[in-house]
N, C-alpha and C. Protein backbone atom coordinates (compact mmCIF):
# COMPACT_ATOMS: atom_id res chain seq x y z
N UNK A 1 0.87 -1.16 -0.01
CA UNK A 1 -0.01 0.01 0.00
C UNK A 1 0.92 1.25 0.00
N UNK A 2 0.63 2.20 -0.87
CA UNK A 2 1.47 3.39 -0.90
C UNK A 2 1.32 4.22 0.37
N UNK A 3 2.35 4.92 0.81
CA UNK A 3 2.30 5.70 2.06
C UNK A 3 1.20 6.77 2.02
N UNK A 4 0.93 7.37 0.90
CA UNK A 4 -0.08 8.44 0.87
C UNK A 4 -1.46 7.89 1.14
N UNK A 5 -1.69 6.65 0.74
CA UNK A 5 -2.99 6.02 0.98
C UNK A 5 -3.17 5.67 2.47
N UNK A 6 -2.11 5.20 3.08
CA UNK A 6 -2.14 4.88 4.53
C UNK A 6 -2.41 6.13 5.34
N UNK A 7 -1.74 7.23 4.98
CA UNK A 7 -1.95 8.48 5.70
C UNK A 7 -3.37 9.00 5.49
N UNK A 8 -3.90 8.89 4.29
CA UNK A 8 -5.25 9.34 4.01
C UNK A 8 -6.26 8.54 4.81
N UNK A 9 -6.10 7.24 4.88
CA UNK A 9 -7.03 6.39 5.64
C UNK A 9 -6.98 6.77 7.13
N UNK A 10 -5.77 6.99 7.68
CA UNK A 10 -5.65 7.36 9.11
C UNK A 10 -6.30 8.73 9.38
N UNK A 11 -6.13 9.68 8.46
CA UNK A 11 -6.74 10.98 8.65
C UNK A 11 -8.25 10.87 8.62
N UNK A 12 -8.80 10.10 7.69
CA UNK A 12 -10.27 9.92 7.61
C UNK A 12 -10.77 9.24 8.88
N UNK A 13 -10.10 8.21 9.33
CA UNK A 13 -10.52 7.51 10.58
C UNK A 13 -10.45 8.44 11.77
N UNK A 14 -9.39 9.23 11.88
CA UNK A 14 -9.27 10.20 12.98
C UNK A 14 -10.39 11.24 12.96
N UNK A 15 -10.70 11.75 11.77
CA UNK A 15 -11.79 12.73 11.65
C UNK A 15 -13.13 12.10 12.03
N UNK A 16 -13.36 10.86 11.62
CA UNK A 16 -14.61 10.17 11.96
C UNK A 16 -14.72 9.96 13.47
N UNK A 17 -13.60 9.62 14.10
CA UNK A 17 -13.58 9.43 15.55
C UNK A 17 -13.91 10.74 16.26
N UNK A 18 -13.27 11.83 15.85
CA UNK A 18 -13.57 13.13 16.48
C UNK A 18 -15.00 13.56 16.27
N UNK A 19 -15.53 13.32 15.09
CA UNK A 19 -16.94 13.66 14.81
C UNK A 19 -17.87 12.86 15.69
N UNK A 20 -17.58 11.58 15.88
CA UNK A 20 -18.40 10.73 16.72
C UNK A 20 -18.34 11.18 18.19
N UNK A 21 -17.16 11.57 18.67
CA UNK A 21 -17.05 12.05 20.05
C UNK A 21 -17.84 13.35 20.23
N UNK A 22 -17.73 14.25 19.26
CA UNK A 22 -18.47 15.52 19.38
C UNK A 22 -19.97 15.28 19.39
N UNK A 23 -20.43 14.35 18.56
CA UNK A 23 -21.85 14.01 18.54
C UNK A 23 -22.31 13.44 19.88
N UNK A 24 -21.50 12.60 20.47
CA UNK A 24 -21.84 12.01 21.77
C UNK A 24 -21.94 13.07 22.85
N UNK A 25 -21.03 14.02 22.89
CA UNK A 25 -21.09 15.08 23.92
C UNK A 25 -22.30 15.97 23.70
N UNK A 26 -22.64 16.25 22.45
CA UNK A 26 -23.87 17.04 22.19
C UNK A 26 -25.10 16.30 22.69
N UNK A 27 -25.13 14.99 22.48
CA UNK A 27 -26.27 14.19 22.93
C UNK A 27 -26.38 14.26 24.47
N UNK A 28 -25.25 14.17 25.16
CA UNK A 28 -25.26 14.24 26.62
C UNK A 28 -25.79 15.58 27.11
N UNK A 29 -25.41 16.65 26.42
CA UNK A 29 -25.83 17.98 26.85
C UNK A 29 -27.29 18.29 26.56
N UNK A 30 -27.81 17.78 25.44
CA UNK A 30 -29.13 18.17 24.99
C UNK A 30 -30.16 17.05 25.08
N UNK A 31 -29.77 15.89 25.50
CA UNK A 31 -30.64 14.72 25.47
C UNK A 31 -31.86 14.88 26.32
N UNK A 32 -32.81 13.94 26.13
CA UNK A 32 -34.06 14.00 26.93
C UNK A 32 -33.78 13.76 28.42
N UNK A 33 -32.62 13.22 28.75
CA UNK A 33 -32.29 12.95 30.14
C UNK A 33 -31.49 14.09 30.77
N UNK A 34 -31.43 15.25 30.10
CA UNK A 34 -30.66 16.37 30.63
C UNK A 34 -31.23 16.75 32.00
N UNK A 35 -30.34 17.11 32.89
CA UNK A 35 -30.75 17.48 34.25
C UNK A 35 -30.92 18.99 34.31
N UNK A 36 -31.71 19.45 35.29
CA UNK A 36 -31.86 20.91 35.44
C UNK A 36 -30.53 21.52 35.85
N UNK A 37 -30.38 22.79 35.56
CA UNK A 37 -29.15 23.49 35.93
C UNK A 37 -28.99 23.52 37.42
N UNK A 38 -27.77 23.27 37.91
CA UNK A 38 -27.56 23.37 39.36
C UNK A 38 -27.72 24.83 39.80
N UNK A 39 -28.03 25.05 41.05
CA UNK A 39 -28.23 26.42 41.52
C UNK A 39 -26.91 27.21 41.40
N UNK A 40 -27.05 28.52 41.23
CA UNK A 40 -25.86 29.39 41.17
C UNK A 40 -25.22 29.45 42.58
N UNK A 41 -23.91 29.66 42.59
CA UNK A 41 -23.22 29.79 43.86
C UNK A 41 -23.60 31.11 44.48
N UNK A 42 -24.13 31.10 45.70
CA UNK A 42 -24.51 32.36 46.36
C UNK A 42 -23.30 33.24 46.65
N UNK A 43 -23.56 34.49 46.96
CA UNK A 43 -22.47 35.40 47.36
C UNK A 43 -21.85 34.87 48.62
N UNK A 44 -20.56 35.21 48.83
CA UNK A 44 -19.83 34.68 49.97
C UNK A 44 -20.52 34.96 51.30
N UNK A 45 -21.13 36.12 51.47
CA UNK A 45 -21.77 36.45 52.74
C UNK A 45 -23.06 35.63 52.93
N UNK A 46 -23.62 35.05 51.86
CA UNK A 46 -24.85 34.25 51.97
C UNK A 46 -24.54 32.78 52.23
N UNK A 47 -23.30 32.38 52.14
CA UNK A 47 -22.93 30.99 52.33
C UNK A 47 -22.90 30.59 53.81
N UNK A 48 -22.79 31.54 54.68
CA UNK A 48 -22.73 31.23 56.11
C UNK A 48 -21.34 30.81 56.51
N UNK A 49 -21.24 30.31 57.74
CA UNK A 49 -19.96 29.91 58.32
C UNK A 49 -19.31 28.75 57.52
N UNK A 50 -18.04 28.85 57.33
CA UNK A 50 -17.30 27.78 56.63
C UNK A 50 -17.01 26.65 57.61
N UNK A 51 -17.34 25.44 57.22
CA UNK A 51 -17.06 24.27 58.04
C UNK A 51 -15.73 23.63 57.65
N UNK A 52 -15.28 23.90 56.42
CA UNK A 52 -13.93 23.50 55.99
C UNK A 52 -13.36 24.66 55.18
N UNK A 53 -12.05 24.75 55.17
CA UNK A 53 -11.41 25.73 54.30
C UNK A 53 -11.45 25.19 52.89
N UNK A 54 -11.02 26.00 51.91
CA UNK A 54 -10.96 25.50 50.55
C UNK A 54 -9.94 24.35 50.47
N UNK A 55 -10.37 23.20 49.97
CA UNK A 55 -9.53 22.01 49.86
C UNK A 55 -9.25 21.76 48.40
N UNK A 56 -7.96 21.55 48.07
CA UNK A 56 -7.61 21.25 46.68
C UNK A 56 -8.15 19.90 46.27
N UNK A 57 -8.74 19.85 45.08
CA UNK A 57 -9.35 18.61 44.62
C UNK A 57 -9.36 18.59 43.08
N UNK A 58 -9.70 17.44 42.57
CA UNK A 58 -10.01 17.29 41.14
C UNK A 58 -11.48 16.95 41.09
N UNK A 59 -12.23 17.76 40.36
CA UNK A 59 -13.65 17.46 40.12
C UNK A 59 -13.63 16.41 39.01
N UNK A 60 -14.12 15.21 39.33
CA UNK A 60 -14.03 14.12 38.36
C UNK A 60 -15.20 14.18 37.39
N UNK A 61 -16.42 14.11 37.86
CA UNK A 61 -17.61 14.26 37.02
C UNK A 61 -18.85 14.12 37.89
N UNK A 62 -19.96 14.31 37.25
CA UNK A 62 -21.26 14.07 37.90
C UNK A 62 -21.98 13.01 37.06
N UNK A 63 -22.54 12.02 37.76
CA UNK A 63 -23.25 10.94 37.10
C UNK A 63 -24.63 10.82 37.70
N UNK A 64 -25.49 10.05 37.05
CA UNK A 64 -26.78 9.73 37.67
C UNK A 64 -26.52 8.87 38.90
N UNK A 65 -27.25 9.12 39.94
CA UNK A 65 -27.05 8.43 41.20
C UNK A 65 -27.20 6.91 41.01
N UNK A 66 -26.21 6.19 41.51
CA UNK A 66 -26.22 4.74 41.45
C UNK A 66 -25.68 4.16 40.16
N UNK A 67 -25.35 4.97 39.15
CA UNK A 67 -24.79 4.45 37.90
C UNK A 67 -23.51 5.24 37.60
N UNK A 68 -22.41 4.70 38.05
CA UNK A 68 -21.13 5.41 37.99
C UNK A 68 -20.59 5.62 36.59
N UNK A 69 -21.23 5.05 35.58
CA UNK A 69 -20.81 5.25 34.18
C UNK A 69 -21.73 6.18 33.41
N UNK A 70 -22.86 6.58 33.98
CA UNK A 70 -23.82 7.42 33.27
C UNK A 70 -23.52 8.89 33.53
N UNK A 71 -22.47 9.38 32.85
CA UNK A 71 -22.00 10.76 33.05
C UNK A 71 -23.07 11.76 32.56
N UNK A 72 -23.25 12.83 33.33
CA UNK A 72 -24.13 13.93 32.96
C UNK A 72 -23.28 14.97 32.22
N UNK A 73 -23.69 15.31 31.00
CA UNK A 73 -22.92 16.26 30.21
C UNK A 73 -23.49 17.67 30.22
N UNK A 74 -24.74 17.83 30.62
CA UNK A 74 -25.33 19.16 30.57
C UNK A 74 -24.77 20.09 31.66
N UNK A 75 -24.77 21.36 31.36
CA UNK A 75 -24.37 22.41 32.28
C UNK A 75 -22.89 22.30 32.71
N UNK A 76 -22.09 21.61 31.92
CA UNK A 76 -20.68 21.47 32.24
C UNK A 76 -20.40 20.49 33.36
N UNK A 77 -21.39 19.73 33.79
CA UNK A 77 -21.22 18.80 34.91
C UNK A 77 -20.35 17.60 34.56
N UNK A 78 -20.14 17.33 33.30
CA UNK A 78 -19.34 16.18 32.91
C UNK A 78 -17.89 16.55 32.64
N UNK A 79 -17.50 17.81 32.85
CA UNK A 79 -16.14 18.27 32.53
C UNK A 79 -15.23 18.08 33.73
N UNK A 80 -14.20 17.29 33.55
CA UNK A 80 -13.20 17.09 34.61
C UNK A 80 -12.35 18.35 34.70
N UNK A 81 -12.05 18.77 35.94
CA UNK A 81 -11.29 20.01 36.10
C UNK A 81 -10.66 20.06 37.48
N UNK A 82 -9.60 20.88 37.58
CA UNK A 82 -9.01 21.18 38.88
C UNK A 82 -10.01 22.04 39.65
N UNK A 83 -10.06 21.89 40.96
CA UNK A 83 -11.07 22.60 41.73
C UNK A 83 -10.62 22.79 43.18
N UNK A 84 -11.37 23.63 43.86
CA UNK A 84 -11.31 23.68 45.32
C UNK A 84 -12.72 23.44 45.82
N UNK A 85 -12.84 22.78 46.97
CA UNK A 85 -14.14 22.47 47.50
C UNK A 85 -14.17 22.95 48.97
N UNK A 86 -15.30 23.50 49.36
CA UNK A 86 -15.48 23.99 50.73
C UNK A 86 -16.91 23.70 51.16
N UNK A 87 -17.04 23.35 52.44
CA UNK A 87 -18.37 23.11 53.01
C UNK A 87 -18.73 24.32 53.88
N UNK A 88 -19.91 24.89 53.60
CA UNK A 88 -20.45 26.03 54.36
C UNK A 88 -21.78 25.64 54.95
N UNK A 89 -22.32 26.50 55.78
CA UNK A 89 -23.64 26.28 56.36
C UNK A 89 -24.71 26.12 55.28
N UNK A 90 -24.58 26.81 54.16
CA UNK A 90 -25.58 26.77 53.10
C UNK A 90 -25.42 25.58 52.17
N UNK A 91 -24.27 24.93 52.17
CA UNK A 91 -24.04 23.79 51.30
C UNK A 91 -22.57 23.62 50.91
N UNK A 92 -22.34 22.86 49.87
CA UNK A 92 -20.99 22.56 49.41
C UNK A 92 -20.72 23.35 48.14
N UNK A 93 -19.59 24.05 48.09
CA UNK A 93 -19.22 24.86 46.94
C UNK A 93 -17.99 24.24 46.32
N UNK A 94 -18.09 23.93 45.01
CA UNK A 94 -16.96 23.41 44.23
C UNK A 94 -16.63 24.49 43.22
N UNK A 95 -15.48 25.14 43.43
CA UNK A 95 -15.03 26.19 42.50
C UNK A 95 -14.06 25.53 41.52
N UNK A 96 -14.46 25.51 40.25
CA UNK A 96 -13.67 24.80 39.23
C UNK A 96 -12.90 25.78 38.33
N UNK A 97 -11.77 25.30 37.86
CA UNK A 97 -10.98 26.10 36.92
C UNK A 97 -11.31 25.64 35.51
N UNK A 98 -11.75 26.58 34.67
CA UNK A 98 -12.05 26.25 33.29
C UNK A 98 -13.41 25.62 33.06
N UNK A 99 -14.25 25.61 34.09
CA UNK A 99 -15.60 25.05 33.98
C UNK A 99 -16.48 25.78 34.99
N UNK A 100 -17.81 25.72 34.80
CA UNK A 100 -18.70 26.41 35.73
C UNK A 100 -18.60 25.80 37.15
N UNK A 101 -18.70 26.69 38.13
CA UNK A 101 -18.68 26.26 39.55
C UNK A 101 -19.96 25.46 39.83
N UNK A 102 -19.89 24.61 40.84
CA UNK A 102 -21.03 23.77 41.23
C UNK A 102 -21.35 24.06 42.70
N UNK A 103 -22.63 24.34 42.95
CA UNK A 103 -23.10 24.56 44.34
C UNK A 103 -24.15 23.51 44.63
N UNK A 104 -23.92 22.78 45.72
CA UNK A 104 -24.89 21.76 46.17
C UNK A 104 -25.50 22.31 47.46
N UNK A 105 -26.74 22.79 47.40
CA UNK A 105 -27.38 23.33 48.60
C UNK A 105 -27.54 22.27 49.68
N UNK A 106 -27.54 22.71 50.89
CA UNK A 106 -27.68 21.81 52.04
C UNK A 106 -28.92 20.93 51.92
N UNK A 107 -30.03 21.52 51.53
CA UNK A 107 -31.28 20.76 51.44
C UNK A 107 -31.26 19.72 50.33
N UNK A 108 -30.37 19.88 49.34
CA UNK A 108 -30.31 18.93 48.21
C UNK A 108 -29.44 17.73 48.54
N UNK A 109 -28.58 17.82 49.53
CA UNK A 109 -27.65 16.73 49.89
C UNK A 109 -28.41 15.53 50.45
N UNK A 110 -28.07 14.35 49.95
CA UNK A 110 -28.71 13.14 50.45
C UNK A 110 -27.73 12.19 51.13
N UNK A 111 -26.50 12.15 50.63
CA UNK A 111 -25.50 11.24 51.22
C UNK A 111 -24.11 11.68 50.78
N UNK A 112 -23.13 11.20 51.54
CA UNK A 112 -21.72 11.39 51.16
C UNK A 112 -21.03 10.05 51.43
N UNK A 113 -20.16 9.68 50.53
CA UNK A 113 -19.48 8.41 50.69
C UNK A 113 -18.20 8.39 49.88
N UNK A 114 -17.69 7.21 49.64
CA UNK A 114 -16.45 7.06 48.86
C UNK A 114 -16.70 6.05 47.75
N UNK A 115 -15.81 6.07 46.77
CA UNK A 115 -15.90 5.14 45.67
C UNK A 115 -14.53 4.94 45.09
N UNK A 116 -14.35 3.82 44.43
CA UNK A 116 -13.08 3.55 43.77
C UNK A 116 -13.05 4.03 42.34
N UNK A 117 -14.18 4.49 41.83
CA UNK A 117 -14.18 4.98 40.47
C UNK A 117 -15.50 5.61 40.08
N UNK A 118 -15.41 6.37 38.99
CA UNK A 118 -16.57 7.09 38.46
C UNK A 118 -16.22 7.39 37.00
N UNK A 119 -17.21 7.65 36.18
CA UNK A 119 -16.94 7.96 34.78
C UNK A 119 -15.85 9.04 34.67
N UNK A 120 -14.75 8.68 34.05
CA UNK A 120 -13.67 9.63 33.91
C UNK A 120 -12.52 9.39 34.81
N UNK A 121 -12.64 8.54 35.84
CA UNK A 121 -11.53 8.33 36.77
C UNK A 121 -11.75 7.06 37.58
N UNK A 122 -10.74 6.22 37.58
CA UNK A 122 -10.73 5.02 38.43
C UNK A 122 -9.50 5.08 39.27
N UNK A 123 -9.65 4.96 40.58
CA UNK A 123 -8.53 5.04 41.50
C UNK A 123 -8.49 3.81 42.37
N UNK A 124 -7.40 3.56 43.00
CA UNK A 124 -7.30 2.41 43.88
C UNK A 124 -8.06 2.66 45.17
N UNK A 125 -8.61 1.61 45.73
CA UNK A 125 -9.31 1.73 47.01
C UNK A 125 -10.56 2.57 46.88
N UNK A 126 -10.81 3.39 47.88
CA UNK A 126 -11.96 4.25 47.92
C UNK A 126 -11.48 5.71 47.86
N UNK A 127 -10.79 6.06 46.81
CA UNK A 127 -10.12 7.34 46.69
C UNK A 127 -10.97 8.54 46.29
N UNK A 128 -12.21 8.33 45.91
CA UNK A 128 -13.08 9.44 45.52
C UNK A 128 -14.10 9.70 46.60
N UNK A 129 -14.33 10.97 46.89
CA UNK A 129 -15.44 11.37 47.75
C UNK A 129 -16.63 11.64 46.83
N UNK A 130 -17.76 11.01 47.12
CA UNK A 130 -18.96 11.12 46.28
C UNK A 130 -20.08 11.79 47.06
N UNK A 131 -20.55 12.91 46.51
CA UNK A 131 -21.70 13.62 47.09
C UNK A 131 -22.94 13.19 46.32
N UNK A 132 -23.94 12.72 47.01
CA UNK A 132 -25.21 12.35 46.35
C UNK A 132 -26.20 13.46 46.69
N UNK A 133 -26.81 14.03 45.65
CA UNK A 133 -27.72 15.15 45.82
C UNK A 133 -28.81 15.15 44.77
N UNK A 134 -29.88 15.86 45.04
CA UNK A 134 -31.03 15.95 44.14
C UNK A 134 -31.23 17.40 43.78
N UNK A 135 -30.92 17.78 42.51
CA UNK A 135 -31.10 19.20 42.13
C UNK A 135 -32.54 19.64 42.18
N UNK A 136 -33.45 18.78 41.76
CA UNK A 136 -34.89 19.11 41.77
C UNK A 136 -35.65 17.80 41.84
N UNK A 137 -36.26 17.45 42.96
CA UNK A 137 -36.98 16.18 43.09
C UNK A 137 -38.09 16.02 42.04
N UNK A 138 -38.62 17.13 41.54
CA UNK A 138 -39.69 17.04 40.55
C UNK A 138 -39.18 16.52 39.22
N UNK A 139 -37.95 16.89 38.85
CA UNK A 139 -37.39 16.52 37.58
C UNK A 139 -36.73 15.15 37.57
N UNK A 140 -35.93 14.82 38.56
CA UNK A 140 -35.22 13.55 38.59
C UNK A 140 -35.02 13.15 40.06
N UNK A 141 -35.97 12.41 40.61
CA UNK A 141 -35.87 12.02 42.02
C UNK A 141 -34.71 11.10 42.33
N UNK A 142 -34.14 10.48 41.27
CA UNK A 142 -33.01 9.59 41.49
C UNK A 142 -31.80 10.34 42.02
N UNK A 143 -31.58 11.54 41.54
CA UNK A 143 -30.50 12.36 42.01
C UNK A 143 -29.21 12.16 41.22
N UNK A 144 -28.16 12.82 41.70
CA UNK A 144 -26.89 12.81 41.04
C UNK A 144 -25.77 12.46 42.01
N UNK A 145 -24.69 11.91 41.50
CA UNK A 145 -23.49 11.66 42.28
C UNK A 145 -22.36 12.52 41.71
N UNK A 146 -21.74 13.34 42.54
CA UNK A 146 -20.63 14.18 42.11
C UNK A 146 -19.36 13.64 42.78
N UNK A 147 -18.37 13.32 41.95
CA UNK A 147 -17.13 12.75 42.45
C UNK A 147 -16.00 13.74 42.54
N UNK A 148 -15.29 13.69 43.66
CA UNK A 148 -14.15 14.59 43.88
C UNK A 148 -12.98 13.76 44.37
N UNK A 149 -11.81 14.04 43.83
CA UNK A 149 -10.57 13.39 44.26
C UNK A 149 -9.77 14.43 45.02
N UNK A 150 -9.71 14.29 46.35
CA UNK A 150 -8.98 15.24 47.17
C UNK A 150 -7.48 14.97 47.11
N UNK A 151 -6.71 15.98 47.26
CA UNK A 151 -5.25 15.85 47.14
C UNK A 151 -4.68 15.00 48.31
N UNK A 152 -5.21 15.20 49.52
CA UNK A 152 -4.69 14.50 50.71
C UNK A 152 -5.80 13.69 51.38
N UNK A 153 -5.45 12.49 51.84
CA UNK A 153 -6.41 11.60 52.46
C UNK A 153 -7.15 12.24 53.64
N UNK A 154 -6.40 12.93 54.52
CA UNK A 154 -7.03 13.55 55.69
C UNK A 154 -8.03 14.63 55.28
N UNK A 155 -7.79 15.29 54.13
CA UNK A 155 -8.75 16.30 53.66
C UNK A 155 -10.01 15.62 53.14
N UNK A 156 -9.87 14.43 52.55
CA UNK A 156 -11.05 13.69 52.11
C UNK A 156 -11.91 13.31 53.33
N UNK A 157 -11.26 12.88 54.39
CA UNK A 157 -11.99 12.55 55.63
C UNK A 157 -12.67 13.78 56.22
N UNK A 158 -11.98 14.93 56.17
CA UNK A 158 -12.52 16.19 56.67
C UNK A 158 -13.74 16.61 55.86
N UNK A 159 -13.65 16.48 54.53
CA UNK A 159 -14.79 16.83 53.66
C UNK A 159 -15.97 15.93 53.94
N UNK A 160 -15.75 14.64 54.06
CA UNK A 160 -16.84 13.71 54.33
C UNK A 160 -17.51 14.01 55.68
N UNK A 161 -16.70 14.25 56.71
CA UNK A 161 -17.26 14.54 58.03
C UNK A 161 -18.07 15.82 58.06
N UNK A 162 -17.54 16.87 57.45
CA UNK A 162 -18.26 18.14 57.40
C UNK A 162 -19.55 18.06 56.63
N UNK A 163 -19.52 17.34 55.52
CA UNK A 163 -20.74 17.17 54.69
C UNK A 163 -21.75 16.32 55.43
N UNK A 164 -21.29 15.28 56.12
CA UNK A 164 -22.21 14.43 56.87
C UNK A 164 -22.90 15.22 57.97
N UNK A 165 -22.22 16.17 58.60
CA UNK A 165 -22.91 16.96 59.62
C UNK A 165 -24.00 17.83 59.01
N UNK A 166 -23.76 18.31 57.77
CA UNK A 166 -24.85 19.07 57.08
C UNK A 166 -26.04 18.16 56.84
N UNK A 167 -25.78 16.94 56.35
CA UNK A 167 -26.87 16.01 56.06
C UNK A 167 -27.59 15.61 57.31
N UNK A 168 -26.84 15.36 58.36
CA UNK A 168 -27.42 14.92 59.64
C UNK A 168 -28.29 15.96 60.28
N UNK A 169 -28.02 17.24 59.99
CA UNK A 169 -28.80 18.31 60.62
C UNK A 169 -29.86 18.87 59.65
N UNK A 170 -30.06 18.17 58.51
CA UNK A 170 -31.07 18.61 57.54
C UNK A 170 -32.25 17.67 57.66
N UNK A 171 -33.47 18.21 57.79
CA UNK A 171 -34.64 17.32 57.81
C UNK A 171 -34.70 16.51 56.51
N UNK A 172 -34.95 15.24 56.64
CA UNK A 172 -34.99 14.36 55.47
C UNK A 172 -36.27 14.59 54.69
N UNK A 173 -36.14 14.65 53.40
CA UNK A 173 -37.31 14.77 52.52
C UNK A 173 -37.54 13.44 51.90
N UNK A 174 -38.53 12.74 52.30
CA UNK A 174 -38.77 11.38 51.80
C UNK A 174 -37.96 10.39 52.59
N UNK A 175 -36.82 10.00 52.11
CA UNK A 175 -35.93 9.10 52.77
C UNK A 175 -34.54 9.45 52.36
N UNK A 176 -33.60 9.40 53.29
CA UNK A 176 -32.24 9.76 52.92
C UNK A 176 -31.35 8.54 53.02
N UNK A 177 -30.37 8.49 52.14
CA UNK A 177 -29.41 7.38 52.16
C UNK A 177 -28.38 7.64 53.23
N UNK A 178 -27.92 6.59 53.81
CA UNK A 178 -26.84 6.74 54.77
C UNK A 178 -25.53 6.85 54.03
N UNK A 179 -24.56 7.52 54.66
CA UNK A 179 -23.27 7.62 54.01
C UNK A 179 -22.56 6.32 54.05
N UNK A 180 -21.72 6.08 53.06
CA UNK A 180 -20.97 4.84 53.05
C UNK A 180 -19.53 5.12 53.26
């Protein structure tokens, strides 16, 4: 086979692959299963007392609750990015670099736990902190799981403990999952 033909075939295959990936991301963002937009991050004075300082983390992704491979692409929730996460009286704030920030209000939190993997990242052991929350019970009562990989193990434990205190002091709507 002549070299120019091999190169042409590889370029066509590469273009087809990129086109397919772009089509998949568009489907995730606009599909019938799109989730409602998460609430905007309130002003700093409306967040209340900080229960943790900003902790360095990697925002892995957000998936449908209970399905660690069903990544949510709408509203930038499927974009992996460097982040800082802090727990306040009003909820959990994830400030991301290069992607929209995520705010999980206290009333929306259902559980906090750990996982060894999530769409976009698999780690050894239980290295991801997973926040389970419901943006709007009317739209999707199943909820969402947001995965965070903290830089230090003790910070992951601190994040889990602070989030669990928010959940524990929030009246349960329906039934709440216990943290794992």
